[in-house]
N, C-alpha and C. Protein backbone atom coordinates (compact mmCIF):
# COMPACT_ATOMS: atom_id res chain seq x y z
N MET A 1 59.80 72.53 118.15
CA MET A 1 59.04 73.76 118.41
C MET A 1 58.93 73.98 119.91
N PHE A 2 59.03 75.26 120.34
CA PHE A 2 59.05 75.61 121.76
C PHE A 2 57.77 75.17 122.46
N LEU A 3 56.62 75.34 121.83
CA LEU A 3 55.36 74.97 122.46
C LEU A 3 55.26 73.45 122.68
N ASN A 4 55.84 72.68 121.77
CA ASN A 4 55.89 71.23 121.96
C ASN A 4 56.73 70.88 123.18
N TYR A 5 57.83 71.61 123.34
CA TYR A 5 58.70 71.40 124.50
C TYR A 5 57.96 71.71 125.80
N LEU A 6 57.24 72.82 125.82
CA LEU A 6 56.48 73.19 127.02
C LEU A 6 55.43 72.14 127.36
N GLU A 7 54.79 71.59 126.31
CA GLU A 7 53.79 70.55 126.55
C GLU A 7 54.44 69.29 127.09
N LYS A 8 55.58 68.92 126.51
CA LYS A 8 56.28 67.71 126.93
C LYS A 8 56.75 67.79 128.37
N THR A 9 57.20 68.98 128.78
CA THR A 9 57.70 69.17 130.16
C THR A 9 56.59 69.57 131.11
N GLN A 10 55.34 69.54 130.60
CA GLN A 10 54.15 69.81 131.41
C GLN A 10 54.11 71.24 131.96
N LYS A 11 54.77 72.15 131.24
CA LYS A 11 54.67 73.56 131.61
C LYS A 11 53.32 74.12 131.18
N ILE A 12 52.77 73.55 130.09
CA ILE A 12 51.42 73.88 129.64
C ILE A 12 50.68 72.57 129.42
N PRO A 13 49.35 72.55 129.57
CA PRO A 13 48.61 71.28 129.43
C PRO A 13 48.61 70.74 128.00
N LYS A 14 48.60 71.65 127.00
CA LYS A 14 48.50 71.21 125.61
C LYS A 14 49.00 72.30 124.68
N ASN A 15 49.68 71.91 123.62
CA ASN A 15 50.11 72.86 122.59
C ASN A 15 48.87 73.37 121.87
N PRO A 16 48.54 74.67 122.00
CA PRO A 16 47.28 75.18 121.44
C PRO A 16 47.24 75.26 119.92
N ILE A 17 48.40 75.18 119.26
CA ILE A 17 48.39 75.31 117.79
C ILE A 17 48.78 74.01 117.09
N ARG A 18 48.85 72.91 117.83
CA ARG A 18 49.26 71.64 117.20
C ARG A 18 48.35 71.28 116.02
N GLY A 19 47.06 71.31 116.21
CA GLY A 19 46.12 70.96 115.15
C GLY A 19 46.17 71.90 113.97
N ILE A 20 46.41 73.19 114.26
CA ILE A 20 46.48 74.19 113.18
C ILE A 20 47.68 73.92 112.29
N ILE A 21 48.82 73.61 112.90
CA ILE A 21 50.02 73.32 112.12
C ILE A 21 49.80 72.11 111.22
N GLU A 22 49.16 71.08 111.79
CA GLU A 22 48.91 69.87 111.00
C GLU A 22 48.00 70.15 109.81
N LEU A 23 47.05 71.07 109.99
CA LEU A 23 46.12 71.39 108.91
C LEU A 23 46.78 72.14 107.77
N ILE A 24 47.72 73.04 108.10
CA ILE A 24 48.29 73.89 107.05
C ILE A 24 49.47 73.23 106.35
N GLU A 25 50.00 72.14 106.89
CA GLU A 25 51.09 71.47 106.23
C GLU A 25 50.59 70.82 104.94
N GLU A 26 51.26 71.10 103.84
CA GLU A 26 50.83 70.54 102.56
C GLU A 26 51.49 69.20 102.31
N PRO A 27 50.75 68.24 101.81
CA PRO A 27 51.36 66.95 101.48
C PRO A 27 52.30 67.09 100.30
N ASN A 28 53.21 66.15 100.16
CA ASN A 28 54.16 66.15 99.05
C ASN A 28 53.42 65.87 97.74
N PRO A 29 53.40 66.83 96.81
CA PRO A 29 52.64 66.63 95.56
C PRO A 29 53.32 65.67 94.60
N TYR A 30 54.55 65.25 94.90
CA TYR A 30 55.29 64.38 93.99
C TYR A 30 55.35 62.93 94.47
N LYS A 31 54.50 62.57 95.40
CA LYS A 31 54.46 61.19 95.86
C LYS A 31 53.95 60.28 94.75
N ASN A 32 54.46 59.04 94.75
CA ASN A 32 53.96 58.08 93.77
C ASN A 32 52.58 57.58 94.20
N TYR A 33 51.95 56.84 93.31
CA TYR A 33 50.59 56.35 93.54
C TYR A 33 50.61 54.92 94.04
N THR A 34 49.80 54.64 95.06
CA THR A 34 49.69 53.29 95.59
C THR A 34 48.78 52.46 94.68
N GLU A 35 48.76 51.15 94.91
CA GLU A 35 47.86 50.29 94.13
C GLU A 35 46.41 50.70 94.33
N GLU A 36 46.08 51.06 95.56
CA GLU A 36 44.70 51.48 95.84
C GLU A 36 44.37 52.77 95.10
N ASP A 37 45.35 53.70 95.03
CA ASP A 37 45.17 54.93 94.26
C ASP A 37 44.86 54.62 92.80
N LEU A 38 45.67 53.75 92.22
CA LEU A 38 45.51 53.41 90.80
C LEU A 38 44.17 52.73 90.55
N LYS A 39 43.77 51.89 91.47
CA LYS A 39 42.48 51.22 91.33
C LYS A 39 41.35 52.24 91.28
N LYS A 40 41.41 53.24 92.14
CA LYS A 40 40.37 54.28 92.16
C LYS A 40 40.41 55.12 90.89
N LEU A 41 41.61 55.50 90.45
CA LEU A 41 41.73 56.35 89.27
C LEU A 41 41.22 55.65 88.02
N PHE A 42 41.43 54.34 87.94
CA PHE A 42 41.01 53.61 86.75
C PHE A 42 39.57 53.12 86.83
N GLN A 43 38.87 53.55 87.87
CA GLN A 43 37.44 53.29 87.95
C GLN A 43 36.61 54.45 87.42
N ILE A 44 37.28 55.56 87.08
CA ILE A 44 36.54 56.68 86.52
C ILE A 44 36.03 56.30 85.13
N SER A 45 35.00 56.96 84.69
CA SER A 45 34.32 56.53 83.45
C SER A 45 34.95 57.07 82.18
N ASP A 46 35.69 58.17 82.26
CA ASP A 46 36.21 58.81 81.05
C ASP A 46 37.40 58.05 80.48
N TYR A 47 37.23 57.50 79.30
CA TYR A 47 38.26 56.67 78.68
C TYR A 47 39.53 57.46 78.37
N GLU A 48 39.39 58.66 77.85
CA GLU A 48 40.56 59.46 77.47
C GLU A 48 41.43 59.76 78.69
N THR A 49 40.79 60.09 79.80
CA THR A 49 41.54 60.39 81.02
C THR A 49 42.29 59.16 81.51
N LYS A 50 41.66 57.99 81.44
CA LYS A 50 42.33 56.76 81.85
C LYS A 50 43.53 56.46 80.94
N GLN A 51 43.41 56.76 79.66
CA GLN A 51 44.54 56.56 78.76
C GLN A 51 45.67 57.55 79.06
N PHE A 52 45.30 58.74 79.49
CA PHE A 52 46.30 59.72 79.92
C PHE A 52 47.11 59.16 81.08
N PHE A 53 46.40 58.62 82.08
CA PHE A 53 47.09 58.02 83.23
C PHE A 53 47.99 56.86 82.78
N LYS A 54 47.48 56.07 81.84
CA LYS A 54 48.22 54.89 81.39
C LYS A 54 49.50 55.28 80.64
N ILE A 55 49.41 56.27 79.76
CA ILE A 55 50.61 56.73 79.05
C ILE A 55 51.64 57.25 80.05
N ALA A 56 51.19 58.01 81.04
CA ALA A 56 52.10 58.54 82.06
C ALA A 56 52.78 57.41 82.84
N LEU A 57 52.03 56.38 83.18
CA LEU A 57 52.56 55.27 83.98
C LEU A 57 53.52 54.39 83.19
N TYR A 58 53.30 54.24 81.89
CA TYR A 58 54.11 53.32 81.11
C TYR A 58 55.24 54.00 80.33
N THR A 59 55.34 55.31 80.42
CA THR A 59 56.46 56.02 79.78
C THR A 59 57.30 56.81 80.78
N GLY A 60 56.69 57.26 81.87
CA GLY A 60 57.41 58.10 82.82
C GLY A 60 57.71 59.48 82.27
N LEU A 61 57.01 59.87 81.21
CA LEU A 61 57.28 61.16 80.58
C LEU A 61 56.80 62.32 81.45
N ARG A 62 57.54 63.41 81.39
CA ARG A 62 57.06 64.65 81.98
C ARG A 62 55.85 65.13 81.19
N LEU A 63 55.00 65.92 81.84
CA LEU A 63 53.76 66.35 81.20
C LEU A 63 54.00 67.06 79.88
N SER A 64 54.96 67.98 79.86
CA SER A 64 55.21 68.76 78.64
C SER A 64 55.58 67.86 77.47
N ALA A 65 56.35 66.81 77.76
CA ALA A 65 56.75 65.88 76.70
C ALA A 65 55.57 65.03 76.24
N MET A 66 54.75 64.62 77.18
CA MET A 66 53.64 63.72 76.86
C MET A 66 52.60 64.40 75.97
N ILE A 67 52.23 65.62 76.29
CA ILE A 67 51.16 66.27 75.53
C ILE A 67 51.66 66.86 74.21
N SER A 68 52.98 66.87 74.02
CA SER A 68 53.52 67.41 72.77
C SER A 68 53.81 66.33 71.73
N ILE A 69 53.47 65.07 72.05
CA ILE A 69 53.71 63.97 71.11
C ILE A 69 52.92 64.19 69.82
N LYS A 70 53.63 64.07 68.70
CA LYS A 70 53.00 64.21 67.39
C LYS A 70 53.02 62.86 66.67
N LYS A 71 52.20 62.75 65.65
CA LYS A 71 52.10 61.48 64.93
C LYS A 71 53.44 61.07 64.34
N GLU A 72 54.20 62.05 63.86
CA GLU A 72 55.49 61.73 63.25
C GLU A 72 56.53 61.26 64.27
N ASP A 73 56.22 61.43 65.57
CA ASP A 73 57.13 60.97 66.62
C ASP A 73 56.98 59.48 66.90
N ILE A 74 55.94 58.86 66.34
CA ILE A 74 55.63 57.46 66.63
C ILE A 74 56.01 56.59 65.44
N GLU A 75 56.79 55.55 65.69
CA GLU A 75 57.23 54.65 64.62
C GLU A 75 57.06 53.21 65.08
N PHE A 76 56.43 52.38 64.26
CA PHE A 76 56.17 51.00 64.65
C PHE A 76 56.85 50.00 63.72
N GLU A 77 58.05 50.31 63.28
CA GLU A 77 58.71 49.41 62.34
C GLU A 77 60.19 49.26 62.67
N TYR A 78 60.47 48.65 63.82
CA TYR A 78 61.87 48.44 64.18
C TYR A 78 62.01 47.14 64.96
N GLY A 79 62.11 46.02 64.26
CA GLY A 79 62.28 44.74 64.93
C GLY A 79 61.19 44.50 65.96
N GLU A 80 61.62 44.19 67.18
CA GLU A 80 60.68 43.95 68.26
C GLU A 80 60.15 45.26 68.85
N ALA A 81 60.83 46.35 68.54
CA ALA A 81 60.56 47.60 69.24
C ALA A 81 59.56 48.49 68.50
N TYR A 82 58.83 49.27 69.28
CA TYR A 82 57.92 50.28 68.76
C TYR A 82 58.41 51.61 69.33
N LYS A 83 58.89 52.50 68.49
CA LYS A 83 59.65 53.65 68.98
C LYS A 83 58.81 54.92 69.08
N LEU A 84 59.19 55.73 70.06
CA LEU A 84 58.56 57.02 70.28
C LEU A 84 59.67 58.04 70.50
N THR A 85 59.71 59.06 69.66
CA THR A 85 60.73 60.10 69.78
C THR A 85 60.22 61.25 70.62
N ILE A 86 60.97 61.59 71.66
CA ILE A 86 60.61 62.68 72.56
C ILE A 86 61.37 63.92 72.12
N THR A 87 60.67 64.90 71.60
CA THR A 87 61.33 66.10 71.06
C THR A 87 61.21 67.30 71.99
N LYS A 88 60.28 67.23 72.96
CA LYS A 88 60.08 68.37 73.85
C LYS A 88 60.11 67.88 75.29
N ASP A 89 61.21 68.16 75.98
CA ASP A 89 61.33 67.75 77.37
C ASP A 89 62.16 68.79 78.10
N LYS A 90 62.29 68.61 79.41
CA LYS A 90 62.89 69.61 80.29
C LYS A 90 64.38 69.79 80.03
N THR A 91 65.08 68.72 79.67
CA THR A 91 66.53 68.76 79.53
C THR A 91 66.95 68.33 78.14
N THR A 92 68.23 68.56 77.81
CA THR A 92 68.78 68.10 76.54
C THR A 92 68.69 66.59 76.45
N ASN A 93 69.01 65.91 77.57
CA ASN A 93 68.92 64.45 77.59
C ASN A 93 67.48 63.98 77.45
N GLY A 94 66.55 64.88 77.72
CA GLY A 94 65.14 64.53 77.57
C GLY A 94 64.74 64.33 76.13
N GLN A 95 65.53 64.87 75.21
CA GLN A 95 65.26 64.70 73.78
C GLN A 95 65.88 63.38 73.34
N ARG A 96 65.04 62.36 73.20
CA ARG A 96 65.55 61.01 73.02
C ARG A 96 64.51 60.16 72.31
N THR A 97 64.89 58.95 71.95
CA THR A 97 63.96 57.98 71.39
C THR A 97 63.85 56.80 72.34
N ILE A 98 62.63 56.48 72.74
CA ILE A 98 62.40 55.35 73.63
C ILE A 98 61.45 54.36 72.95
N THR A 99 61.33 53.19 73.54
CA THR A 99 60.39 52.22 72.98
C THR A 99 59.06 52.29 73.72
N VAL A 100 58.03 51.77 73.08
CA VAL A 100 56.66 51.89 73.58
C VAL A 100 56.24 50.60 74.27
N HIS A 101 55.72 50.71 75.46
CA HIS A 101 55.23 49.54 76.21
C HIS A 101 54.06 48.90 75.47
N LYS A 102 53.99 47.59 75.55
CA LYS A 102 52.93 46.85 74.85
C LYS A 102 51.53 47.27 75.29
N GLU A 103 51.39 47.78 76.51
CA GLU A 103 50.07 48.16 77.03
C GLU A 103 49.54 49.45 76.40
N ILE A 104 50.42 50.26 75.80
CA ILE A 104 49.97 51.54 75.23
C ILE A 104 50.13 51.59 73.71
N LYS A 105 50.65 50.52 73.13
CA LYS A 105 50.91 50.51 71.69
C LYS A 105 49.64 50.72 70.88
N ASP A 106 48.57 50.03 71.23
CA ASP A 106 47.32 50.14 70.46
C ASP A 106 46.75 51.55 70.50
N PHE A 107 46.83 52.18 71.67
CA PHE A 107 46.31 53.54 71.80
C PHE A 107 47.10 54.51 70.92
N LEU A 108 48.43 54.38 70.92
CA LEU A 108 49.26 55.25 70.10
C LEU A 108 49.07 54.96 68.61
N THR A 109 48.82 53.70 68.28
CA THR A 109 48.54 53.34 66.89
C THR A 109 47.25 54.00 66.42
N ASP A 110 46.23 53.96 67.26
CA ASP A 110 44.96 54.61 66.92
C ASP A 110 45.15 56.11 66.70
N PHE A 111 45.96 56.72 67.56
CA PHE A 111 46.23 58.16 67.42
C PHE A 111 46.96 58.44 66.12
N LYS A 112 47.96 57.65 65.81
CA LYS A 112 48.75 57.86 64.59
C LYS A 112 47.89 57.75 63.34
N ASN A 113 46.89 56.90 63.39
CA ASN A 113 46.02 56.69 62.22
C ASN A 113 44.80 57.61 62.21
N SER A 114 44.69 58.48 63.18
CA SER A 114 43.52 59.35 63.29
C SER A 114 43.77 60.71 62.63
N LYS A 115 42.74 61.54 62.64
CA LYS A 115 42.86 62.91 62.13
C LYS A 115 43.08 63.91 63.26
N ARG A 116 43.22 63.41 64.46
CA ARG A 116 43.35 64.26 65.63
C ARG A 116 44.73 64.91 65.67
N GLU A 117 44.79 66.18 66.09
CA GLU A 117 46.06 66.91 66.11
C GLU A 117 46.86 66.62 67.37
N TYR A 118 46.19 66.60 68.51
CA TYR A 118 46.88 66.42 69.79
C TYR A 118 46.52 65.08 70.41
N LEU A 119 47.45 64.54 71.17
CA LEU A 119 47.25 63.22 71.76
C LEU A 119 46.16 63.22 72.82
N PHE A 120 46.11 64.29 73.65
CA PHE A 120 45.15 64.32 74.74
C PHE A 120 44.40 65.65 74.82
N PHE A 121 43.11 65.57 75.03
CA PHE A 121 42.25 66.70 75.38
C PHE A 121 42.29 67.83 74.35
N ASN A 122 42.70 67.50 73.13
CA ASN A 122 42.72 68.46 72.02
C ASN A 122 43.54 69.70 72.34
N THR A 123 44.66 69.52 73.04
CA THR A 123 45.51 70.66 73.39
C THR A 123 46.92 70.20 73.70
N ASP A 124 47.88 71.12 73.54
CA ASP A 124 49.24 70.88 74.04
C ASP A 124 49.58 71.93 75.10
N ASN A 125 48.53 72.49 75.70
CA ASN A 125 48.70 73.52 76.73
C ASN A 125 48.85 72.85 78.09
N LYS A 126 50.05 72.95 78.67
CA LYS A 126 50.35 72.28 79.93
C LYS A 126 49.46 72.75 81.07
N ASP A 127 49.26 74.06 81.18
CA ASP A 127 48.44 74.61 82.27
C ASP A 127 47.00 74.12 82.18
N LYS A 128 46.48 74.07 80.97
CA LYS A 128 45.10 73.61 80.77
C LYS A 128 44.93 72.17 81.23
N VAL A 129 45.89 71.33 80.88
CA VAL A 129 45.82 69.92 81.26
C VAL A 129 45.94 69.77 82.77
N GLN A 130 46.86 70.50 83.38
CA GLN A 130 47.03 70.43 84.84
C GLN A 130 45.77 70.87 85.57
N LYS A 131 45.12 71.91 85.07
CA LYS A 131 43.92 72.43 85.73
C LYS A 131 42.76 71.43 85.65
N TYR A 132 42.82 70.54 84.68
CA TYR A 132 41.80 69.50 84.58
C TYR A 132 42.19 68.26 85.41
N ILE A 133 43.43 67.80 85.23
CA ILE A 133 43.85 66.53 85.83
C ILE A 133 44.06 66.61 87.34
N ASN A 134 44.76 67.64 87.81
CA ASN A 134 45.09 67.68 89.24
C ASN A 134 43.86 67.73 90.15
N PRO A 135 42.85 68.57 89.86
CA PRO A 135 41.64 68.53 90.69
C PRO A 135 40.91 67.19 90.60
N LEU A 136 40.93 66.57 89.41
CA LEU A 136 40.28 65.27 89.25
C LEU A 136 40.94 64.23 90.16
N ILE A 137 42.26 64.26 90.21
CA ILE A 137 42.99 63.33 91.08
C ILE A 137 42.63 63.58 92.54
N PHE A 138 42.60 64.86 92.93
CA PHE A 138 42.27 65.19 94.32
C PHE A 138 40.86 64.74 94.67
N ASN A 139 39.92 65.00 93.78
CA ASN A 139 38.52 64.62 94.04
C ASN A 139 38.33 63.11 94.10
N THR A 140 39.16 62.38 93.35
CA THR A 140 39.05 60.92 93.33
C THR A 140 39.72 60.28 94.54
N LEU A 141 40.88 60.82 94.93
CA LEU A 141 41.66 60.19 95.99
C LEU A 141 41.49 60.86 97.35
N GLY A 142 41.01 62.13 97.34
CA GLY A 142 40.93 62.87 98.59
C GLY A 142 42.29 63.25 99.12
N GLU A 143 43.27 63.29 98.23
CA GLU A 143 44.65 63.60 98.60
C GLU A 143 45.32 64.31 97.44
N ARG A 144 46.18 65.26 97.77
CA ARG A 144 46.82 66.03 96.71
C ARG A 144 48.05 65.29 96.17
N LYS A 145 47.89 64.74 94.99
CA LYS A 145 49.00 64.16 94.25
C LYS A 145 48.96 64.74 92.84
N THR A 146 50.09 64.71 92.16
CA THR A 146 50.16 65.37 90.86
C THR A 146 50.54 64.40 89.75
N ILE A 147 50.54 64.91 88.54
CA ILE A 147 50.89 64.13 87.37
C ILE A 147 52.31 63.58 87.48
N HIS A 148 53.19 64.35 88.12
CA HIS A 148 54.59 63.93 88.26
C HIS A 148 54.71 62.63 89.05
N GLY A 149 53.72 62.35 89.89
CA GLY A 149 53.75 61.12 90.68
C GLY A 149 53.76 59.86 89.82
N PHE A 150 53.14 59.92 88.64
CA PHE A 150 53.15 58.77 87.73
C PHE A 150 54.57 58.49 87.24
N ARG A 151 55.35 59.54 87.06
CA ARG A 151 56.75 59.39 86.66
C ARG A 151 57.53 58.65 87.74
N LYS A 152 57.21 58.93 88.99
CA LYS A 152 57.88 58.23 90.09
C LYS A 152 57.51 56.75 90.08
N ASN A 153 56.24 56.45 89.82
CA ASN A 153 55.83 55.04 89.71
C ASN A 153 56.63 54.32 88.63
N PHE A 154 56.74 54.97 87.47
CA PHE A 154 57.46 54.36 86.35
C PHE A 154 58.92 54.12 86.72
N THR A 155 59.54 55.09 87.37
CA THR A 155 60.95 54.97 87.75
C THR A 155 61.15 53.80 88.71
N ILE A 156 60.26 53.65 89.67
CA ILE A 156 60.34 52.53 90.61
C ILE A 156 60.26 51.20 89.87
N GLU A 157 59.31 51.08 88.94
CA GLU A 157 59.15 49.84 88.19
C GLU A 157 60.34 49.58 87.27
N LEU A 158 60.89 50.65 86.70
CA LEU A 158 62.04 50.52 85.80
C LEU A 158 63.26 49.99 86.55
N TYR A 159 63.44 50.45 87.78
CA TYR A 159 64.56 49.97 88.59
C TYR A 159 64.41 48.49 88.94
N LYS A 160 63.19 48.02 89.00
CA LYS A 160 62.96 46.59 89.21
C LYS A 160 63.25 45.80 87.93
N ALA A 161 63.05 46.44 86.79
CA ALA A 161 63.13 45.76 85.50
C ALA A 161 64.55 45.55 85.00
N THR A 162 65.47 46.43 85.38
CA THR A 162 66.85 46.31 84.89
C THR A 162 67.84 46.91 85.88
N GLU A 163 69.04 46.33 85.89
CA GLU A 163 70.13 46.87 86.71
C GLU A 163 71.05 47.76 85.88
N ASN A 164 70.76 47.90 84.60
CA ASN A 164 71.58 48.73 83.71
C ASN A 164 71.28 50.20 83.98
N ASN A 165 72.14 50.84 84.75
CA ASN A 165 71.87 52.21 85.19
C ASN A 165 71.89 53.20 84.04
N ASN A 166 72.78 52.99 83.08
CA ASN A 166 72.83 53.90 81.94
C ASN A 166 71.55 53.83 81.12
N LEU A 167 71.04 52.62 80.95
CA LEU A 167 69.79 52.45 80.21
C LEU A 167 68.64 53.10 80.96
N ARG A 168 68.61 52.94 82.28
CA ARG A 168 67.55 53.56 83.08
C ARG A 168 67.59 55.08 82.93
N LYS A 169 68.79 55.65 83.02
CA LYS A 169 68.92 57.11 82.89
C LYS A 169 68.45 57.58 81.51
N TYR A 170 68.81 56.81 80.50
CA TYR A 170 68.42 57.19 79.13
C TYR A 170 66.91 57.16 78.97
N ILE A 171 66.27 56.09 79.43
CA ILE A 171 64.83 55.94 79.28
C ILE A 171 64.09 57.06 80.01
N ILE A 172 64.53 57.34 81.24
CA ILE A 172 63.87 58.35 82.05
C ILE A 172 64.17 59.76 81.56
N GLY A 173 65.33 59.94 80.90
CA GLY A 173 65.69 61.27 80.41
C GLY A 173 66.35 62.12 81.46
N HIS A 174 67.08 61.48 82.38
CA HIS A 174 67.77 62.24 83.42
C HIS A 174 68.93 63.02 82.84
N SER A 175 69.12 64.22 83.35
CA SER A 175 70.25 65.05 82.95
C SER A 175 71.44 64.72 83.83
N GLN A 176 72.52 64.22 83.22
CA GLN A 176 73.74 63.86 83.96
C GLN A 176 74.94 64.43 83.22
N LYS A 177 75.06 65.74 83.19
CA LYS A 177 76.10 66.39 82.40
C LYS A 177 77.51 66.01 82.85
N SER A 178 77.68 65.72 84.15
CA SER A 178 79.00 65.40 84.68
C SER A 178 79.32 63.92 84.58
N ASP A 179 78.37 63.12 84.11
CA ASP A 179 78.54 61.67 84.04
C ASP A 179 79.03 61.29 82.65
N LEU A 180 80.35 61.07 82.51
CA LEU A 180 80.95 60.80 81.21
C LEU A 180 80.42 59.50 80.61
N THR A 181 80.27 58.47 81.46
CA THR A 181 79.76 57.18 80.98
C THR A 181 78.38 57.34 80.38
N PHE A 182 77.55 58.12 81.05
CA PHE A 182 76.19 58.34 80.56
C PHE A 182 76.20 59.11 79.25
N THR A 183 77.09 60.11 79.14
CA THR A 183 77.18 60.90 77.92
C THR A 183 77.58 60.02 76.74
N ILE A 184 78.55 59.14 76.96
CA ILE A 184 78.98 58.23 75.91
C ILE A 184 77.84 57.29 75.52
N TYR A 185 77.14 56.79 76.52
CA TYR A 185 76.01 55.89 76.27
C TYR A 185 74.95 56.59 75.43
N ASN A 186 74.71 57.85 75.73
CA ASN A 186 73.71 58.62 75.00
C ASN A 186 74.09 58.77 73.54
N LEU A 187 75.38 58.87 73.26
CA LEU A 187 75.85 59.13 71.91
C LEU A 187 75.93 57.86 71.07
N GLU A 188 76.01 56.72 71.72
CA GLU A 188 76.11 55.46 71.00
C GLU A 188 74.74 54.99 70.52
N ASN A 189 74.75 54.04 69.61
CA ASN A 189 73.48 53.46 69.16
C ASN A 189 72.84 52.68 70.29
N VAL A 190 71.59 52.96 70.54
CA VAL A 190 70.86 52.28 71.60
C VAL A 190 70.28 50.98 71.07
N ASP A 191 70.34 49.92 71.87
CA ASP A 191 69.74 48.64 71.51
C ASP A 191 68.25 48.71 71.82
N PHE A 192 67.45 49.04 70.81
CA PHE A 192 66.02 49.25 71.03
C PHE A 192 65.28 47.96 71.35
N ASP A 193 65.76 46.84 70.80
CA ASP A 193 65.11 45.57 71.13
C ASP A 193 65.28 45.25 72.61
N MET A 194 66.48 45.49 73.14
CA MET A 194 66.71 45.27 74.56
C MET A 194 65.88 46.23 75.40
N MET A 195 65.82 47.49 74.97
CA MET A 195 65.03 48.48 75.68
C MET A 195 63.56 48.07 75.71
N GLN A 196 63.07 47.55 74.58
CA GLN A 196 61.68 47.11 74.51
C GLN A 196 61.40 46.03 75.54
N ARG A 197 62.31 45.07 75.66
CA ARG A 197 62.11 43.99 76.62
C ARG A 197 62.11 44.51 78.05
N VAL A 198 62.98 45.47 78.32
CA VAL A 198 63.04 46.05 79.67
C VAL A 198 61.75 46.82 79.98
N ILE A 199 61.33 47.67 79.06
CA ILE A 199 60.13 48.48 79.29
C ILE A 199 58.89 47.61 79.44
N ASN A 200 58.83 46.52 78.69
CA ASN A 200 57.67 45.63 78.80
C ASN A 200 57.59 44.92 80.15
N LYS A 201 58.69 44.94 80.91
CA LYS A 201 58.68 44.35 82.25
C LYS A 201 57.99 45.26 83.26
N VAL A 202 57.86 46.54 82.93
CA VAL A 202 57.13 47.47 83.80
C VAL A 202 55.69 47.00 83.87
N SER A 203 55.19 46.83 85.07
CA SER A 203 53.87 46.20 85.20
C SER A 203 53.06 46.80 86.34
N TYR A 204 51.77 46.99 86.06
CA TYR A 204 50.80 47.45 87.07
C TYR A 204 49.58 46.52 86.98
N PRO A 205 49.65 45.35 87.61
CA PRO A 205 48.56 44.36 87.48
C PRO A 205 47.19 44.91 87.81
N ILE A 206 47.13 45.85 88.73
CA ILE A 206 45.85 46.38 89.18
C ILE A 206 45.08 47.07 88.05
N ILE A 207 45.82 47.60 87.04
CA ILE A 207 45.14 48.30 85.95
C ILE A 207 45.14 47.51 84.64
N GLU A 208 45.98 46.49 84.54
CA GLU A 208 46.10 45.76 83.28
C GLU A 208 44.90 44.86 83.01
N GLU A 209 44.07 44.67 84.03
CA GLU A 209 42.84 43.91 83.83
C GLU A 209 41.83 44.72 83.01
N ASP A 210 41.93 46.05 83.12
CA ASP A 210 40.99 46.95 82.43
C ASP A 210 41.59 47.39 81.11
N ASN A 211 41.74 46.44 80.19
CA ASN A 211 42.52 46.70 78.99
C ASN A 211 41.68 46.86 77.73
N LYS A 212 40.46 46.38 77.75
CA LYS A 212 39.62 46.44 76.56
C LYS A 212 38.65 47.61 76.66
N GLN A 213 38.88 48.62 75.83
CA GLN A 213 38.04 49.80 75.85
C GLN A 213 37.74 50.22 74.42
N PRO A 214 36.67 50.97 74.19
CA PRO A 214 36.37 51.45 72.84
C PRO A 214 37.43 52.43 72.35
N ALA A 215 37.60 52.51 71.05
CA ALA A 215 38.59 53.42 70.49
C ALA A 215 38.19 54.87 70.73
N LEU A 216 39.18 55.69 71.04
CA LEU A 216 38.93 57.12 71.27
C LEU A 216 38.95 57.88 69.95
N PHE A 217 39.88 57.51 69.08
CA PHE A 217 40.09 58.28 67.85
C PHE A 217 39.26 57.71 66.71
N LEU A 218 38.60 58.59 66.00
CA LEU A 218 37.78 58.19 64.87
C LEU A 218 38.37 58.71 63.57
């Protein structure tokens, strides 16, 4: 910026708009969450909201996919694996079946056995959920981060859990139309037991201590 140059060359004593520019710059809303962030978020009192955060962290699902989960999408009878079918996502590859992390299995089991229609907040309305969750995150952290940030956390942990790039792409639901290897992998039978072991390696020790909570679904 020209004013920065003038300040640096001592043509002017100080850039008069430096502070203003810093104030109006918006932080990246898609940043992942730090351990300290997660610690603060999981100290809130509302159990349902904490389970929302947990499902996001242990599945990496986009918001639209997460809130559209139906009871018939959940299956708990496949060897070591507990399966979840994603029917509503951003891409064609987003429509897939993944396994359920051990940390969220009980919550999804309670939902499947309940009379409740929607998994979270009695709605599948994306805008309604965002209007509740995003301000809550800002008020808790004092920083603008979004629901998508949980997906980034999951992706980081998944890359630590396995070097199998095709499996990572499948789990995350990445669209790779030009990737022939990935397309073939998508069409073949997926080893759900192996996927279960990989997903169970995803870990957030800071929140796994807070595991015993009352049931939400009656």
